[in-house]
Amino acid sequence: MRALIEELVAAWQAGDALRASAFFAPDGRYHEAGREPIVGREAIREHFQRFFRDGPPWRFDLETSVVEGERAAIAYRFALRAQDGQWRTSAGCALAHREGGLLIEWREYQG
């Protein structure tokens, strides 16, 4: 599970929506904090593609993860570059659940 998380983050950092979405089950759920969940690998891929293509410059830095079997808790820092050039960073965490080698849920919380 730890390797899957690290590879998913590497795909995000590379802006590779196809590779990142491939870590999700066909009916997997990607749920950003404060937003409606995105359900299904194809919808997740489309979401990632739009963000990577049209979104502002960003960073996602993995801080730590705690893995127990097919579940993980992930602490991270997410940063967006504002129009003034300054980076706005927020701490977050995610809970991930894997079945059959693929993510069935990634749910984020920010604070």
Protein backbone atom coordinates (compact mmCIF):
# COMPACT_ATOMS: atom_id res chain seq x y z
CA MET A 1 0.00 0.00 0.00
CA ARG A 2 2.85 2.39 0.81
CA ALA A 3 4.35 1.88 -2.67
CA LEU A 4 0.96 2.53 -4.29
CA ILE A 5 0.64 5.84 -2.42
CA GLU A 6 4.17 6.91 -3.37
CA GLU A 7 3.56 5.99 -7.02
CA LEU A 8 0.23 7.85 -7.06
CA VAL A 9 1.86 10.98 -5.64
CA ALA A 10 4.68 10.66 -8.21
CA ALA A 11 2.07 10.48 -11.01
CA TRP A 12 0.37 13.60 -9.64
CA GLN A 13 3.68 15.43 -9.40
CA ALA A 14 4.45 14.46 -13.01
CA GLY A 15 1.03 15.71 -14.15
CA ASP A 16 0.21 12.25 -15.51
CA ALA A 17 -3.58 11.96 -15.22
CA LEU A 18 -3.78 8.61 -17.02
CA ARG A 19 -1.21 6.96 -14.77
CA ALA A 20 -2.67 8.54 -11.60
CA SER A 21 -6.23 7.43 -12.39
CA ALA A 22 -5.02 3.88 -13.15
CA PHE A 23 -4.40 3.40 -9.41
CA PHE A 24 -8.17 3.64 -8.84
CA ALA A 25 -10.67 0.80 -9.22
CA PRO A 26 -13.16 1.24 -12.09
CA ASP A 27 -15.77 2.36 -9.54
CA GLY A 28 -13.28 4.04 -7.17
CA ARG A 29 -13.98 7.30 -5.35
CA TYR A 30 -11.74 10.37 -5.14
CA HIS A 31 -13.03 12.84 -2.57
CA GLU A 32 -11.32 16.20 -2.07
CA ALA A 33 -12.03 18.08 1.16
CA GLY A 34 -15.13 20.26 0.88
CA ARG A 35 -16.17 18.92 -2.54
CA GLU A 36 -18.48 16.27 -3.88
CA PRO A 37 -16.78 12.90 -4.47
CA ILE A 38 -15.75 11.95 -7.97
CA VAL A 39 -16.80 8.40 -8.74
CA GLY A 40 -15.31 6.14 -11.38
CA ARG A 41 -11.84 5.88 -12.87
CA GLU A 42 -12.79 7.73 -16.05
CA ALA A 43 -14.32 10.67 -14.13
CA ILE A 44 -11.25 10.76 -11.88
CA ARG A 45 -8.95 10.82 -14.92
CA GLU A 46 -10.95 13.69 -16.44
CA HIS A 47 -10.77 15.61 -13.16
CA PHE A 48 -7.01 15.15 -12.92
CA GLN A 49 -6.54 16.13 -16.59
CA ARG A 50 -8.51 19.37 -16.15
CA PHE A 51 -6.62 20.29 -13.00
CA PHE A 52 -3.19 19.49 -14.45
CA ARG A 53 -3.99 21.37 -17.67
CA ASP A 54 -6.05 24.35 -16.42
CA GLY A 55 -5.26 24.70 -12.72
CA PRO A 56 -2.73 27.00 -11.11
CA PRO A 57 0.81 25.89 -10.36
CA TRP A 58 0.70 23.53 -7.38
CA ARG A 59 2.74 21.22 -5.19
CA PHE A 60 1.79 18.11 -3.25
CA ASP A 61 4.35 16.99 -0.70
CA LEU A 62 3.87 13.72 1.12
CA GLU A 63 4.85 14.08 4.77
CA THR A 64 4.08 10.68 6.26
CA SER A 65 1.78 7.73 5.94
CA VAL A 66 0.58 5.06 8.32
CA VAL A 67 -0.39 1.84 6.62
CA GLU A 68 -2.34 -1.00 8.14
CA GLY A 69 -3.26 -3.73 5.69
CA GLU A 70 -5.37 -2.29 2.90
CA ARG A 71 -5.92 1.08 4.57
CA ALA A 72 -3.68 4.09 5.02
CA ALA A 73 -3.70 7.51 6.63
CA ILE A 74 -1.63 10.05 4.74
CA ALA A 75 -0.42 13.45 5.95
CA TYR A 76 0.58 15.96 3.27
CA ARG A 77 1.10 19.61 2.40
CA PHE A 78 -0.70 21.06 -0.61
CA ALA A 79 0.34 24.39 -2.06
CA LEU A 80 -1.08 26.62 -4.78
CA ARG A 81 0.77 29.56 -6.28
CA ALA A 82 -1.38 32.68 -6.16
CA GLN A 83 -1.38 35.32 -8.89
CA ASP A 84 0.95 37.44 -6.74
CA GLY A 85 3.52 34.62 -7.02
CA GLN A 86 3.28 33.61 -3.37
CA TRP A 87 2.69 29.99 -2.44
CA ARG A 88 -0.36 29.31 -0.25
CA THR A 89 0.23 26.10 1.66
CA SER A 90 -2.24 24.06 3.67
CA ALA A 91 -1.86 20.88 5.67
CA GLY A 92 -4.13 17.99 4.88
CA CYS A 93 -4.63 14.32 5.42
CA ALA A 94 -6.28 11.58 3.45
CA LEU A 95 -7.67 8.18 4.22
CA ALA A 96 -7.13 5.60 1.51
CA HIS A 97 -8.65 2.16 1.09
CA ARG A 98 -7.45 -0.46 -1.38
CA GLU A 99 -9.07 -3.66 -2.57
CA GLY A 100 -7.67 -6.03 -5.16
CA GLY A 101 -4.57 -3.89 -5.59
CA LEU A 102 -6.51 -0.73 -6.54
CA LEU A 103 -7.80 2.24 -4.60
CA ILE A 104 -11.51 2.12 -3.94
CA GLU A 105 -11.44 5.36 -2.00
CA TRP A 106 -9.18 8.35 -1.41
CA ARG A 107 -10.83 10.85 0.95
CA GLU A 108 -9.13 14.11 1.92
CA TYR A 109 -9.52 16.30 4.99
CA GLN A 110 -7.93 19.72 5.43
CA GLY A 111 -7.43 21.88 8.42
